[in-house]
Amino acid sequence: MFATPAFAQTAGAAAGPDGFLAMIIQFAPLLLVFVVFYFLILRPQQKRARDQAATIGAVKKGDSVVTAGGVLGKVTKVEDAFVEVEIAPSIKIRVVKSTLADVTPLGSKPAND
């Protein structure tokens, strides 16, 4: 044996902080990861969801819409939970409001025109 038992016992005691401080030092990186995750991932996603809900809630007659299924059309009637969309001349479908993916206000032009 290279070390006596007394030396081995004292060497381990001086290795790091004890008690509450050691616990804080161990949890600090984990807490930092959660804070960064919240600010980089969760907050922008919640803001985007609020903006999308506000846009869908403000849909009105004459707006151009795109559904989650990719159907494009013009809003002809708005109800509480449903929207009537004209997808071709004299062809109208009822769509659940929450499935609208994009709303373009009346009178706006596409980017490529």
N, C-alpha and C. Protein backbone atom coordinates (compact mmCIF):
# COMPACT_ATOMS: atom_id res chain seq x y z
N MET A 1 0.83 -1.18 0.00
CA MET A 1 0.00 0.00 0.00
C MET A 1 0.87 1.24 0.00
N PHE A 2 0.45 2.21 -0.77
CA PHE A 2 1.23 3.43 -0.90
C PHE A 2 0.81 4.51 0.10
N ALA A 3 -0.47 4.55 0.51
CA ALA A 3 -0.94 5.59 1.42
C ALA A 3 -1.50 4.93 2.67
N THR A 4 -1.31 5.59 3.77
CA THR A 4 -1.87 5.08 5.02
C THR A 4 -3.35 5.40 5.05
N PRO A 5 -4.16 4.67 5.81
CA PRO A 5 -5.60 4.95 5.89
C PRO A 5 -5.90 6.36 6.39
N ALA A 6 -5.09 6.90 7.30
CA ALA A 6 -5.35 8.24 7.82
C ALA A 6 -5.16 9.29 6.72
N PHE A 7 -4.15 9.16 5.89
CA PHE A 7 -3.92 10.10 4.81
C PHE A 7 -5.03 10.02 3.75
N ALA A 8 -5.49 8.83 3.46
CA ALA A 8 -6.54 8.65 2.47
C ALA A 8 -7.85 9.28 2.95
N GLN A 9 -8.15 9.24 4.23
CA GLN A 9 -9.39 9.83 4.76
C GLN A 9 -9.34 11.35 4.70
N THR A 10 -8.22 11.97 4.99
CA THR A 10 -8.13 13.43 4.97
C THR A 10 -8.06 13.97 3.54
N ALA A 11 -7.53 13.23 2.61
CA ALA A 11 -7.43 13.71 1.24
C ALA A 11 -8.81 13.83 0.59
N GLY A 12 -9.73 12.95 0.88
CA GLY A 12 -11.07 12.99 0.32
C GLY A 12 -11.91 14.12 0.88
N ALA A 13 -11.68 14.52 2.10
CA ALA A 13 -12.48 15.56 2.73
C ALA A 13 -12.20 16.94 2.14
N ALA A 14 -11.02 17.19 1.67
CA ALA A 14 -10.66 18.50 1.15
C ALA A 14 -10.95 18.62 -0.36
N ALA A 15 -11.59 17.63 -0.97
CA ALA A 15 -11.77 17.61 -2.41
C ALA A 15 -12.78 18.65 -2.91
N GLY A 16 -13.87 18.92 -2.20
CA GLY A 16 -14.86 19.85 -2.72
C GLY A 16 -15.72 20.43 -1.62
N PRO A 17 -16.62 21.38 -1.97
CA PRO A 17 -17.49 22.00 -0.98
C PRO A 17 -18.54 21.02 -0.47
N ASP A 18 -19.04 21.30 0.71
CA ASP A 18 -20.00 20.41 1.35
C ASP A 18 -21.37 21.06 1.42
N GLY A 19 -22.38 20.24 1.56
CA GLY A 19 -23.72 20.70 1.87
C GLY A 19 -24.44 21.42 0.75
N PHE A 20 -25.06 22.53 1.12
CA PHE A 20 -25.94 23.28 0.22
C PHE A 20 -25.18 23.85 -0.98
N LEU A 21 -23.97 24.33 -0.76
CA LEU A 21 -23.18 24.90 -1.84
C LEU A 21 -22.87 23.85 -2.91
N ALA A 22 -22.56 22.65 -2.50
CA ALA A 22 -22.28 21.58 -3.46
C ALA A 22 -23.52 21.26 -4.29
N MET A 23 -24.68 21.29 -3.66
CA MET A 23 -25.92 21.00 -4.37
C MET A 23 -26.21 22.10 -5.40
N ILE A 24 -25.98 23.36 -5.03
CA ILE A 24 -26.19 24.48 -5.95
C ILE A 24 -25.25 24.37 -7.14
N ILE A 25 -24.01 24.02 -6.90
CA ILE A 25 -23.01 23.90 -7.97
C ILE A 25 -23.39 22.77 -8.93
N GLN A 26 -23.98 21.70 -8.42
CA GLN A 26 -24.38 20.59 -9.28
C GLN A 26 -25.60 20.93 -10.13
N PHE A 27 -26.56 21.69 -9.58
CA PHE A 27 -27.79 22.00 -10.29
C PHE A 27 -27.70 23.25 -11.16
N ALA A 28 -26.67 24.06 -11.00
CA ALA A 28 -26.55 25.30 -11.77
C ALA A 28 -26.50 25.06 -13.28
N PRO A 29 -25.70 24.14 -13.79
CA PRO A 29 -25.70 23.92 -15.25
C PRO A 29 -27.06 23.44 -15.78
N LEU A 30 -27.72 22.58 -15.03
CA LEU A 30 -29.03 22.09 -15.44
C LEU A 30 -30.05 23.22 -15.47
N LEU A 31 -30.02 24.07 -14.47
CA LEU A 31 -30.91 25.22 -14.43
C LEU A 31 -30.61 26.18 -15.58
N LEU A 32 -29.37 26.39 -15.88
CA LEU A 32 -28.98 27.25 -16.99
C LEU A 32 -29.49 26.69 -18.32
N VAL A 33 -29.43 25.39 -18.51
CA VAL A 33 -29.94 24.77 -19.74
C VAL A 33 -31.44 25.01 -19.86
N PHE A 34 -32.20 24.87 -18.77
CA PHE A 34 -33.64 25.10 -18.81
C PHE A 34 -33.97 26.56 -19.12
N VAL A 35 -33.22 27.48 -18.58
CA VAL A 35 -33.46 28.90 -18.85
C VAL A 35 -33.19 29.21 -20.32
N VAL A 36 -32.10 28.72 -20.86
CA VAL A 36 -31.77 28.94 -22.27
C VAL A 36 -32.83 28.29 -23.16
N PHE A 37 -33.26 27.07 -22.83
CA PHE A 37 -34.30 26.37 -23.57
C PHE A 37 -35.59 27.18 -23.60
N TYR A 38 -35.96 27.76 -22.46
CA TYR A 38 -37.18 28.55 -22.38
C TYR A 38 -37.10 29.77 -23.31
N PHE A 39 -36.01 30.51 -23.23
CA PHE A 39 -35.91 31.74 -24.02
C PHE A 39 -35.68 31.50 -25.51
N LEU A 40 -35.03 30.41 -25.89
CA LEU A 40 -34.76 30.17 -27.30
C LEU A 40 -35.82 29.33 -28.00
N ILE A 41 -36.55 28.50 -27.25
CA ILE A 41 -37.51 27.59 -27.88
C ILE A 41 -38.95 27.91 -27.48
N LEU A 42 -39.24 27.91 -26.20
CA LEU A 42 -40.63 27.99 -25.75
C LEU A 42 -41.26 29.36 -25.94
N ARG A 43 -40.58 30.42 -25.57
CA ARG A 43 -41.18 31.76 -25.72
C ARG A 43 -41.50 32.12 -27.16
N PRO A 44 -40.59 31.93 -28.11
CA PRO A 44 -40.95 32.25 -29.50
C PRO A 44 -42.10 31.39 -30.03
N GLN A 45 -42.14 30.13 -29.61
CA GLN A 45 -43.22 29.25 -30.07
C GLN A 45 -44.56 29.70 -29.50
N GLN A 46 -44.60 30.11 -28.23
CA GLN A 46 -45.84 30.61 -27.64
C GLN A 46 -46.28 31.90 -28.31
N LYS A 47 -45.35 32.77 -28.63
CA LYS A 47 -45.68 34.02 -29.31
C LYS A 47 -46.25 33.75 -30.69
N ARG A 48 -45.65 32.83 -31.42
CA ARG A 48 -46.13 32.46 -32.74
C ARG A 48 -47.54 31.88 -32.67
N ALA A 49 -47.81 31.06 -31.66
CA ALA A 49 -49.14 30.47 -31.49
C ALA A 49 -50.18 31.54 -31.16
N ARG A 50 -49.82 32.51 -30.32
CA ARG A 50 -50.74 33.61 -30.00
C ARG A 50 -51.04 34.45 -31.25
N ASP A 51 -50.01 34.75 -32.04
CA ASP A 51 -50.20 35.52 -33.26
C ASP A 51 -51.08 34.78 -34.26
N GLN A 52 -50.87 33.47 -34.40
CA GLN A 52 -51.68 32.67 -35.32
C GLN A 52 -53.14 32.64 -34.86
N ALA A 53 -53.38 32.48 -33.55
CA ALA A 53 -54.75 32.47 -33.03
C ALA A 53 -55.42 33.82 -33.24
N ALA A 54 -54.68 34.90 -33.08
CA ALA A 54 -55.25 36.24 -33.31
C ALA A 54 -55.59 36.43 -34.78
N THR A 55 -54.73 35.96 -35.67
CA THR A 55 -54.98 36.07 -37.10
C THR A 55 -56.22 35.27 -37.52
N ILE A 56 -56.34 34.07 -37.00
CA ILE A 56 -57.50 33.23 -37.33
C ILE A 56 -58.77 33.82 -36.73
N GLY A 57 -58.67 34.38 -35.54
CA GLY A 57 -59.84 35.00 -34.92
C GLY A 57 -60.32 36.23 -35.66
N ALA A 58 -59.43 36.91 -36.38
CA ALA A 58 -59.78 38.15 -37.07
C ALA A 58 -60.13 37.93 -38.54
N VAL A 59 -60.30 36.68 -38.97
CA VAL A 59 -60.63 36.42 -40.37
C VAL A 59 -62.02 36.98 -40.67
N LYS A 60 -62.15 37.57 -41.85
CA LYS A 60 -63.44 38.18 -42.22
C LYS A 60 -63.74 37.87 -43.68
N LYS A 61 -64.93 38.20 -44.09
CA LYS A 61 -65.39 37.94 -45.45
C LYS A 61 -64.49 38.68 -46.45
N GLY A 62 -64.08 37.97 -47.49
CA GLY A 62 -63.23 38.55 -48.52
C GLY A 62 -61.76 38.22 -48.36
N ASP A 63 -61.34 37.71 -47.20
CA ASP A 63 -59.93 37.35 -46.99
C ASP A 63 -59.58 36.10 -47.80
N SER A 64 -58.37 36.03 -48.27
CA SER A 64 -57.86 34.81 -48.91
C SER A 64 -57.24 33.95 -47.82
N VAL A 65 -57.53 32.65 -47.87
CA VAL A 65 -57.03 31.75 -46.83
C VAL A 65 -56.39 30.52 -47.45
N VAL A 66 -55.53 29.90 -46.67
CA VAL A 66 -54.95 28.61 -47.00
C VAL A 66 -55.23 27.70 -45.82
N THR A 67 -55.79 26.53 -46.07
CA THR A 67 -56.07 25.60 -44.98
C THR A 67 -54.84 24.74 -44.72
N ALA A 68 -54.89 24.01 -43.61
CA ALA A 68 -53.77 23.13 -43.27
C ALA A 68 -53.61 22.02 -44.31
N GLY A 69 -54.68 21.70 -45.03
CA GLY A 69 -54.60 20.70 -46.08
C GLY A 69 -54.11 21.24 -47.40
N GLY A 70 -53.88 22.55 -47.48
CA GLY A 70 -53.34 23.14 -48.68
C GLY A 70 -54.38 23.69 -49.64
N VAL A 71 -55.63 23.77 -49.21
CA VAL A 71 -56.69 24.30 -50.07
C VAL A 71 -56.67 25.81 -49.99
N LEU A 72 -56.64 26.48 -51.15
CA LEU A 72 -56.66 27.93 -51.22
C LEU A 72 -58.06 28.40 -51.60
N GLY A 73 -58.49 29.51 -51.03
CA GLY A 73 -59.79 30.03 -51.38
C GLY A 73 -60.04 31.39 -50.78
N LYS A 74 -61.27 31.87 -51.00
CA LYS A 74 -61.68 33.18 -50.52
C LYS A 74 -62.84 32.99 -49.55
N VAL A 75 -62.78 33.66 -48.40
CA VAL A 75 -63.81 33.53 -47.37
C VAL A 75 -65.08 34.23 -47.84
N THR A 76 -66.21 33.49 -47.77
CA THR A 76 -67.50 34.07 -48.14
C THR A 76 -68.43 34.21 -46.95
N LYS A 77 -68.18 33.46 -45.88
CA LYS A 77 -69.04 33.52 -44.70
C LYS A 77 -68.23 33.10 -43.48
N VAL A 78 -68.39 33.83 -42.38
CA VAL A 78 -67.65 33.53 -41.15
C VAL A 78 -68.64 33.22 -40.04
N GLU A 79 -68.45 32.09 -39.36
CA GLU A 79 -69.24 31.70 -38.20
C GLU A 79 -68.30 31.58 -37.01
N ASP A 80 -68.83 31.13 -35.87
CA ASP A 80 -68.00 31.02 -34.67
C ASP A 80 -66.85 30.02 -34.85
N ALA A 81 -67.18 28.81 -35.27
CA ALA A 81 -66.16 27.78 -35.37
C ALA A 81 -65.85 27.38 -36.82
N PHE A 82 -66.66 27.84 -37.76
CA PHE A 82 -66.49 27.44 -39.16
C PHE A 82 -66.35 28.66 -40.06
N VAL A 83 -65.76 28.43 -41.23
CA VAL A 83 -65.61 29.45 -42.25
C VAL A 83 -66.03 28.81 -43.56
N GLU A 84 -66.81 29.54 -44.35
CA GLU A 84 -67.17 29.05 -45.68
C GLU A 84 -66.18 29.65 -46.67
N VAL A 85 -65.53 28.78 -47.44
CA VAL A 85 -64.47 29.19 -48.35
C VAL A 85 -64.87 28.83 -49.78
N GLU A 86 -64.76 29.80 -50.67
CA GLU A 86 -65.03 29.55 -52.09
C GLU A 86 -63.71 29.18 -52.75
N ILE A 87 -63.63 27.94 -53.22
CA ILE A 87 -62.38 27.45 -53.80
C ILE A 87 -62.37 27.54 -55.32
N ALA A 88 -63.54 27.71 -55.91
CA ALA A 88 -63.69 27.90 -57.36
C ALA A 88 -65.02 28.63 -57.55
N PRO A 89 -65.27 29.19 -58.71
CA PRO A 89 -66.55 29.87 -58.90
C PRO A 89 -67.72 28.94 -58.60
N SER A 90 -68.59 29.37 -57.70
CA SER A 90 -69.79 28.66 -57.23
C SER A 90 -69.51 27.34 -56.52
N ILE A 91 -68.27 27.09 -56.08
CA ILE A 91 -67.96 25.90 -55.27
C ILE A 91 -67.47 26.39 -53.92
N LYS A 92 -68.29 26.10 -52.89
CA LYS A 92 -67.97 26.55 -51.54
C LYS A 92 -67.86 25.35 -50.61
N ILE A 93 -66.91 25.43 -49.70
CA ILE A 93 -66.74 24.38 -48.70
C ILE A 93 -66.72 25.03 -47.32
N ARG A 94 -67.15 24.26 -46.32
CA ARG A 94 -67.06 24.73 -44.94
C ARG A 94 -65.80 24.15 -44.32
N VAL A 95 -65.05 25.00 -43.66
CA VAL A 95 -63.77 24.62 -43.08
C VAL A 95 -63.78 25.01 -41.60
N VAL A 96 -63.22 24.17 -40.76
CA VAL A 96 -63.07 24.50 -39.35
C VAL A 96 -62.05 25.63 -39.24
N LYS A 97 -62.39 26.64 -38.46
CA LYS A 97 -61.53 27.83 -38.36
C LYS A 97 -60.11 27.51 -37.89
N SER A 98 -60.00 26.58 -36.97
CA SER A 98 -58.68 26.28 -36.40
C SER A 98 -57.75 25.59 -37.39
N THR A 99 -58.29 25.12 -38.54
CA THR A 99 -57.42 24.48 -39.54
C THR A 99 -56.88 25.46 -40.56
N LEU A 100 -57.17 26.74 -40.40
CA LEU A 100 -56.61 27.73 -41.32
C LEU A 100 -55.12 27.91 -41.03
N ALA A 101 -54.31 27.82 -42.05
CA ALA A 101 -52.87 27.95 -41.87
C ALA A 101 -52.38 29.36 -42.14
N ASP A 102 -53.03 30.06 -43.09
CA ASP A 102 -52.57 31.39 -43.45
C ASP A 102 -53.78 32.22 -43.88
N VAL A 103 -53.77 33.49 -43.49
CA VAL A 103 -54.84 34.41 -43.85
C VAL A 103 -54.20 35.64 -44.49
N THR A 104 -54.65 35.98 -45.69
CA THR A 104 -54.18 37.16 -46.39
C THR A 104 -55.34 38.14 -46.48
N PRO A 105 -55.19 39.36 -45.98
CA PRO A 105 -56.30 40.32 -46.00
C PRO A 105 -56.75 40.66 -47.41
N LEU A 106 -57.98 41.14 -47.49
CA LEU A 106 -58.56 41.56 -48.76
C LEU A 106 -57.76 42.71 -49.37
N GLY A 107 -57.49 42.63 -50.65
CA GLY A 107 -56.81 43.72 -51.35
C GLY A 107 -55.30 43.63 -51.35
N SER A 108 -54.71 42.69 -50.64
CA SER A 108 -53.25 42.59 -50.66
C SER A 108 -52.80 41.80 -51.88
N LYS A 109 -51.62 42.12 -52.36
CA LYS A 109 -51.11 41.46 -53.55
C LYS A 109 -50.02 40.47 -53.15
N PRO A 110 -49.85 39.38 -53.92
CA PRO A 110 -48.75 38.46 -53.64
C PRO A 110 -47.39 39.15 -53.83
N ALA A 111 -46.37 38.57 -53.27
CA ALA A 111 -45.03 39.15 -53.31
C ALA A 111 -44.46 39.19 -54.72
N ASN A 112 -44.86 38.27 -55.59
CA ASN A 112 -44.25 38.21 -56.92
C ASN A 112 -44.99 39.05 -57.95
N ASP A 113 -46.03 39.76 -57.59
CA ASP A 113 -46.76 40.62 -58.55
C ASP A 113 -46.25 42.04 -58.50
